[in-house]
């Protein structure tokens, strides 16, 4: 299995976020789950990549050329795909992956996560979408999604598109969940 991990590139964050990213990388490597990620060398992206590499896992970075030119890529990731822009980057990452895991991050991570949810809602991506809610980071987003449902902008059934977990260990368990429904989300997307 190959999963796509979206995560922060910020290095100015609480160390508990970094620990969770590292622990997830270790667990993914041990479980022989291949990782596709944004190619960054710092922040949660860097911690995840470091852990996967140090524990013998397989990781592929996908980074736009302008980010590589800025030196933002991870120098130890041997399999690095260079794209022309951010849109091509995401498209490539989704195409390579059977699941998406979102770690805490900024607006880039938020945009990637909401695109994954949108693609699944339209039945254009069918893998699991797992939100690692370290320290309750995504609580406000989850409240906003509830507001969308309560205000009839999103169907109640669409809560089944994503799964929320609190620890890296729960991510691994969620990836192995064979009882996940195989809904055709597009059929209920129109409200």
C-alpha atoms as a PDB file:
ATOM      1  CA  UNK A   1       0.000   0.000   0.000  1.00  0.00           C
ATOM      2  CA  UNK A   2       1.125   3.558  -0.714  1.00  0.00           C
ATOM      3  CA  UNK A   3      -0.293   6.438   1.261  1.00  0.00           C
ATOM      4  CA  UNK A   4      -0.106  10.174   0.697  1.00  0.00           C
ATOM      5  CA  UNK A   5       0.785  12.222   3.757  1.00  0.00           C
ATOM      6  CA  UNK A   6       0.042  15.944   3.835  1.00  0.00           C
ATOM      7  CA  UNK A   7       1.812  17.874   6.605  1.00  0.00           C
ATOM      8  CA  UNK A   8       3.256  21.184   7.718  1.00  0.00           C
ATOM      9  CA  UNK A   9       6.576  22.535   6.570  1.00  0.00           C
ATOM     10  CA  UNK A  10       6.808  24.845   9.590  1.00  0.00           C
ATOM     11  CA  UNK A  11       9.658  24.214  12.011  1.00  0.00           C
ATOM     12  CA  UNK A  12       8.293  26.661  14.626  1.00  0.00           C
ATOM     13  CA  UNK A  13       5.678  24.362  16.099  1.00  0.00           C
ATOM     14  CA  UNK A  14       5.069  22.508  19.349  1.00  0.00           C
ATOM     15  CA  UNK A  15       7.441  19.540  19.609  1.00  0.00           C
ATOM     16  CA  UNK A  16       4.513  17.153  20.225  1.00  0.00           C
ATOM     17  CA  UNK A  17       3.466  17.598  16.587  1.00  0.00           C
ATOM     18  CA  UNK A  18       6.990  16.687  15.477  1.00  0.00           C
ATOM     19  CA  UNK A  19       7.023  13.641  17.755  1.00  0.00           C
ATOM     20  CA  UNK A  20       3.717  12.427  16.288  1.00  0.00           C
ATOM     21  CA  UNK A  21       5.042  12.901  12.724  1.00  0.00           C
ATOM     22  CA  UNK A  22       8.218  10.957  13.573  1.00  0.00           C
ATOM     23  CA  UNK A  23       6.252   8.193  15.272  1.00  0.00           C
ATOM     24  CA  UNK A  24       3.979   7.900  12.251  1.00  0.00           C
ATOM     25  CA  UNK A  25       7.014   7.605   9.969  1.00  0.00           C
ATOM     26  CA  UNK A  26       8.441   4.818  12.143  1.00  0.00           C
ATOM     27  CA  UNK A  27       5.130   2.942  12.192  1.00  0.00           C
ATOM     28  CA  UNK A  28       4.661   3.269   8.417  1.00  0.00           C
ATOM     29  CA  UNK A  29       8.187   1.996   7.757  1.00  0.00           C
ATOM     30  CA  UNK A  30       7.701  -0.963  10.114  1.00  0.00           C
ATOM     31  CA  UNK A  31       4.349  -1.793   8.499  1.00  0.00           C
ATOM     32  CA  UNK A  32       5.981  -1.687   5.017  1.00  0.00           C
ATOM     33  CA  UNK A  33       3.574   1.045   3.924  1.00  0.00           C
ATOM     34  CA  UNK A  34       5.119   3.247   1.240  1.00  0.00           C
ATOM     35  CA  UNK A  35       4.806   7.011   1.648  1.00  0.00           C
ATOM     36  CA  UNK A  36       4.297   9.798  -0.876  1.00  0.00           C
ATOM     37  CA  UNK A  37       4.656  13.273   0.573  1.00  0.00           C
ATOM     38  CA  UNK A  38       5.368  16.862  -0.447  1.00  0.00           C
ATOM     39  CA  UNK A  39       9.145  16.474  -0.572  1.00  0.00           C
ATOM     40  CA  UNK A  40      10.016  19.017   2.118  1.00  0.00           C
ATOM     41  CA  UNK A  41      13.018  18.786   4.399  1.00  0.00           C
ATOM     42  CA  UNK A  42      11.764  20.713   7.435  1.00  0.00           C
ATOM     43  CA  UNK A  43       8.735  20.808   9.707  1.00  0.00           C
ATOM     44  CA  UNK A  44       6.490  17.796  10.009  1.00  0.00           C
ATOM     45  CA  UNK A  45       7.313  16.817   6.432  1.00  0.00           C
ATOM     46  CA  UNK A  46      10.995  16.585   7.327  1.00  0.00           C
ATOM     47  CA  UNK A  47      10.358  14.689  10.573  1.00  0.00           C
ATOM     48  CA  UNK A  48       8.135  12.175   8.786  1.00  0.00           C
ATOM     49  CA  UNK A  49      10.685  11.640   6.008  1.00  0.00           C
ATOM     50  CA  UNK A  50      13.599  11.327   8.439  1.00  0.00           C
ATOM     51  CA  UNK A  51      11.783   8.640  10.411  1.00  0.00           C
ATOM     52  CA  UNK A  52      10.722   6.661   7.338  1.00  0.00           C
ATOM     53  CA  UNK A  53      14.286   6.727   5.960  1.00  0.00           C
ATOM     54  CA  UNK A  54      15.942   5.903   9.305  1.00  0.00           C
ATOM     55  CA  UNK A  55      13.695   2.871   9.737  1.00  0.00           C
ATOM     56  CA  UNK A  56      14.173   1.462   6.240  1.00  0.00           C
ATOM     57  CA  UNK A  57      10.854   2.541   4.733  1.00  0.00           C
ATOM     58  CA  UNK A  58      10.165   3.713   1.208  1.00  0.00           C
ATOM     59  CA  UNK A  59       9.334   7.379   0.680  1.00  0.00           C
ATOM     60  CA  UNK A  60       8.786   9.413  -2.461  1.00  0.00           C
ATOM     61  CA  UNK A  61       8.798  13.187  -2.468  1.00  0.00           C
ATOM     62  CA  UNK A  62       6.791  15.228  -4.958  1.00  0.00           C
ATOM     63  CA  UNK A  63       7.869  18.866  -5.090  1.00  0.00           C
ATOM     64  CA  UNK A  64       7.311  21.752  -7.501  1.00  0.00           C
ATOM     65  CA  UNK A  65      10.437  23.003  -9.269  1.00  0.00           C
ATOM     66  CA  UNK A  66      10.249  26.440  -7.624  1.00  0.00           C
ATOM     67  CA  UNK A  67      10.397  24.817  -4.152  1.00  0.00           C
ATOM     68  CA  UNK A  68      13.383  22.718  -5.173  1.00  0.00           C
ATOM     69  CA  UNK A  69      15.057  25.845  -6.556  1.00  0.00           C
ATOM     70  CA  UNK A  70      14.550  27.469  -3.130  1.00  0.00           C
ATOM     71  CA  UNK A  71      16.266  24.496  -1.482  1.00  0.00           C
ATOM     72  CA  UNK A  72      13.144  23.338   0.337  1.00  0.00           C
ATOM     73  CA  UNK A  73      13.480  19.690  -0.739  1.00  0.00           C
ATOM     74  CA  UNK A  74      14.695  16.919   1.553  1.00  0.00           C
ATOM     75  CA  UNK A  75      18.278  16.088   0.605  1.00  0.00           C
ATOM     76  CA  UNK A  76      18.069  12.466   1.834  1.00  0.00           C
ATOM     77  CA  UNK A  77      14.936  11.505  -0.101  1.00  0.00           C
ATOM     78  CA  UNK A  78      16.336   9.642  -3.097  1.00  0.00           C
ATOM     79  CA  UNK A  79      13.059   9.309  -5.003  1.00  0.00           C
ATOM     80  CA  UNK A  80      12.097  12.932  -5.663  1.00  0.00           C
ATOM     81  CA  UNK A  81       9.632  13.829  -8.420  1.00  0.00           C
ATOM     82  CA  UNK A  82       9.812  17.409  -9.659  1.00  0.00           C
ATOM     83  CA  UNK A  83       6.572  18.962 -10.937  1.00  0.00           C
ATOM     84  CA  UNK A  84       5.915  22.206 -12.770  1.00  0.00           C
ATOM     85  CA  UNK A  85       3.472  23.582 -10.182  1.00  0.00           C
ATOM     86  CA  UNK A  86       1.388  22.885  -7.072  1.00  0.00           C
ATOM     87  CA  UNK A  87      -1.596  21.534  -9.024  1.00  0.00           C
ATOM     88  CA  UNK A  88       0.508  18.956 -10.841  1.00  0.00           C
ATOM     89  CA  UNK A  89       2.112  18.040  -7.517  1.00  0.00           C
ATOM     90  CA  UNK A  90      -1.236  17.207  -5.884  1.00  0.00           C
ATOM     91  CA  UNK A  91      -2.517  15.374  -8.949  1.00  0.00           C
ATOM     92  CA  UNK A  92       0.604  13.203  -8.966  1.00  0.00           C
ATOM     93  CA  UNK A  93       0.378  12.521  -5.237  1.00  0.00           C
ATOM     94  CA  UNK A  94      -3.276  11.477  -5.442  1.00  0.00           C
ATOM     95  CA  UNK A  95      -2.577   9.253  -8.457  1.00  0.00           C
ATOM     96  CA  UNK A  96       0.221   7.439  -6.620  1.00  0.00           C
ATOM     97  CA  UNK A  97      -1.749   6.826  -3.419  1.00  0.00           C
ATOM     98  CA  UNK A  98      -4.424   4.538  -2.099  1.00  0.00           C
ATOM     99  CA  UNK A  99      -5.057   6.609   1.043  1.00  0.00           C
ATOM    100  CA  UNK A 100      -4.537  10.121   2.399  1.00  0.00           C
ATOM    101  CA  UNK A 101      -3.350  11.034   5.880  1.00  0.00           C
ATOM    102  CA  UNK A 102      -3.417  14.686   6.968  1.00  0.00           C
ATOM    103  CA  UNK A 103      -1.147  15.763   9.798  1.00  0.00           C
ATOM    104  CA  UNK A 104      -1.441  19.238  11.274  1.00  0.00           C
ATOM    105  CA  UNK A 105      -0.408  21.994   8.891  1.00  0.00           C
ATOM    106  CA  UNK A 106      -1.095  25.432   7.521  1.00  0.00           C
ATOM    107  CA  UNK A 107      -3.232  26.613   4.627  1.00  0.00           C
ATOM    108  CA  UNK A 108      -1.371  24.390   2.147  1.00  0.00           C
ATOM    109  CA  UNK A 109      -2.180  21.278   4.169  1.00  0.00           C
ATOM    110  CA  UNK A 110      -5.741  22.490   4.676  1.00  0.00           C
ATOM    111  CA  UNK A 111      -6.148  23.010   0.933  1.00  0.00           C
ATOM    112  CA  UNK A 112      -4.752  19.526   0.219  1.00  0.00           C
ATOM    113  CA  UNK A 113      -7.026  17.901   2.802  1.00  0.00           C
ATOM    114  CA  UNK A 114     -10.147  19.666   1.568  1.00  0.00           C
ATOM    115  CA  UNK A 115      -9.300  18.750  -2.019  1.00  0.00           C
ATOM    116  CA  UNK A 116      -9.017  15.111  -0.952  1.00  0.00           C
ATOM    117  CA  UNK A 117     -12.443  15.344   0.712  1.00  0.00           C
ATOM    118  CA  UNK A 118     -13.892  17.012  -2.394  1.00  0.00           C
ATOM    119  CA  UNK A 119     -12.420  14.395  -4.725  1.00  0.00           C
ATOM    120  CA  UNK A 120     -13.840  11.609  -2.583  1.00  0.00           C
ATOM    121  CA  UNK A 121     -17.221  13.342  -2.379  1.00  0.00           C
ATOM    122  CA  UNK A 122     -17.256  13.319  -6.199  1.00  0.00           C
ATOM    123  CA  UNK A 123     -16.046   9.678  -6.334  1.00  0.00           C
ATOM    124  CA  UNK A 124     -12.795  10.773  -8.006  1.00  0.00           C
ATOM    125  CA  UNK A 125     -10.667   9.349  -5.163  1.00  0.00           C
ATOM    126  CA  UNK A 126     -11.807   6.254  -3.316  1.00  0.00           C
ATOM    127  CA  UNK A 127      -9.172   5.682  -0.649  1.00  0.00           C
ATOM    128  CA  UNK A 128      -9.499   6.384   3.050  1.00  0.00           C
ATOM    129  CA  UNK A 129      -8.895   9.932   4.280  1.00  0.00           C
ATOM    130  CA  UNK A 130      -7.513   9.967   7.800  1.00  0.00           C
ATOM    131  CA  UNK A 131      -7.086  13.134   9.836  1.00  0.00           C
ATOM    132  CA  UNK A 132      -4.436  12.878  12.566  1.00  0.00           C
ATOM    133  CA  UNK A 133      -5.848  15.277  15.137  1.00  0.00           C
ATOM    134  CA  UNK A 134      -2.735  15.670  17.311  1.00  0.00           C
ATOM    135  CA  UNK A 135      -3.453  17.843  20.372  1.00  0.00           C
ATOM    136  CA  UNK A 136      -6.940  18.511  18.962  1.00  0.00           C
ATOM    137  CA  UNK A 137      -5.389  20.599  16.176  1.00  0.00           C
ATOM    138  CA  UNK A 138      -8.259  19.986  13.739  1.00  0.00           C
ATOM    139  CA  UNK A 139     -11.104  20.517  16.240  1.00  0.00           C
ATOM    140  CA  UNK A 140     -12.050  23.899  14.746  1.00  0.00           C
ATOM    141  CA  UNK A 141     -12.119  22.457  11.225  1.00  0.00           C
ATOM    142  CA  UNK A 142     -14.260  19.554  12.404  1.00  0.00           C
ATOM    143  CA  UNK A 143     -16.671  22.031  14.030  1.00  0.00           C
ATOM    144  CA  UNK A 144     -16.794  23.964  10.750  1.00  0.00           C
ATOM    145  CA  UNK A 145     -17.579  20.769   8.828  1.00  0.00           C
ATOM    146  CA  UNK A 146     -20.371  20.083  11.351  1.00  0.00           C
ATOM    147  CA  UNK A 147     -21.668  23.591  10.667  1.00  0.00           C
ATOM    148  CA  UNK A 148     -21.673  22.808   6.935  1.00  0.00           C
ATOM    149  CA  UNK A 149     -23.760  19.729   7.660  1.00  0.00           C
ATOM    150  CA  UNK A 150     -26.119  21.552  10.026  1.00  0.00           C
ATOM    151  CA  UNK A 151     -26.558  24.350   7.463  1.00  0.00           C
ATOM    152  CA  UNK A 152     -27.273  21.845   4.668  1.00  0.00           C
ATOM    153  CA  UNK A 153     -24.138  22.634   2.618  1.00  0.00           C
ATOM    154  CA  UNK A 154     -22.852  19.092   3.174  1.00  0.00           C
ATOM    155  CA  UNK A 155     -24.811  15.898   3.673  1.00  0.00           C
ATOM    156  CA  UNK A 156     -24.676  14.120   7.019  1.00  0.00           C
ATOM    157  CA  UNK A 157     -23.618  10.978   5.142  1.00  0.00           C
ATOM    158  CA  UNK A 158     -20.465  12.741   3.976  1.00  0.00           C
ATOM    159  CA  UNK A 159     -19.037  12.530   7.499  1.00  0.00           C
ATOM    160  CA  UNK A 160     -18.157   9.008   6.407  1.00  0.00           C
ATOM    161  CA  UNK A 161     -15.644  10.385   3.896  1.00  0.00           C
ATOM    162  CA  UNK A 162     -13.003  11.072   6.549  1.00  0.00           C
ATOM    163  CA  UNK A 163     -11.889   9.388   9.736  1.00  0.00           C
ATOM    164  CA  UNK A 164     -10.483  11.256  12.721  1.00  0.00           C
ATOM    165  CA  UNK A 165      -7.761   9.728  14.880  1.00  0.00           C
ATOM    166  CA  UNK A 166      -5.674  11.112  17.725  1.00  0.00           C
ATOM    167  CA  UNK A 167      -2.458   9.058  17.553  1.00  0.00           C
ATOM    168  CA  UNK A 168      -0.104   7.646  14.920  1.00  0.00           C
ATOM    169  CA  UNK A 169      -1.006   4.135  16.088  1.00  0.00           C
ATOM    170  CA  UNK A 170      -4.648   4.836  15.281  1.00  0.00           C
ATOM    171  CA  UNK A 171      -3.608   5.888  11.756  1.00  0.00           C
ATOM    172  CA  UNK A 172      -2.148   2.417  11.183  1.00  0.00           C
ATOM    173  CA  UNK A 173      -5.302   0.784  12.561  1.00  0.00           C
ATOM    174  CA  UNK A 174      -7.512   2.995  10.368  1.00  0.00           C
ATOM    175  CA  UNK A 175      -5.481   2.069   7.268  1.00  0.00           C
ATOM    176  CA  UNK A 176      -6.103  -1.585   8.047  1.00  0.00           C
ATOM    177  CA  UNK A 177      -9.847  -1.134   8.584  1.00  0.00           C
ATOM    178  CA  UNK A 178     -11.422  -3.610   6.168  1.00  0.00           C
ATOM    179  CA  UNK A 179     -14.959  -2.730   7.246  1.00  0.00           C
ATOM    180  CA  UNK A 180     -14.856   0.628   5.507  1.00  0.00           C
ATOM    181  CA  UNK A 181     -17.848   1.161   3.270  1.00  0.00           C
ATOM    182  CA  UNK A 182     -17.409   1.367  -0.469  1.00  0.00           C
ATOM    183  CA  UNK A 183     -19.923   4.149  -0.964  1.00  0.00           C
ATOM    184  CA  UNK A 184     -20.516   5.832  -4.267  1.00  0.00           C
ATOM    185  CA  UNK A 185     -20.331   9.323  -2.856  1.00  0.00           C
ATOM    186  CA  UNK A 186     -21.171  11.096  -6.097  1.00  0.00           C
ATOM    187  CA  UNK A 187     -24.709   9.655  -5.997  1.00  0.00           C
ATOM    188  CA  UNK A 188     -25.470  11.638  -2.854  1.00  0.00           C
ATOM    189  CA  UNK A 189     -23.287  14.699  -3.546  1.00  0.00           C
ATOM    190  CA  UNK A 190     -26.148  16.752  -4.949  1.00  0.00           C
ATOM    191  CA  UNK A 191     -28.197  18.318  -2.157  1.00  0.00           C
END
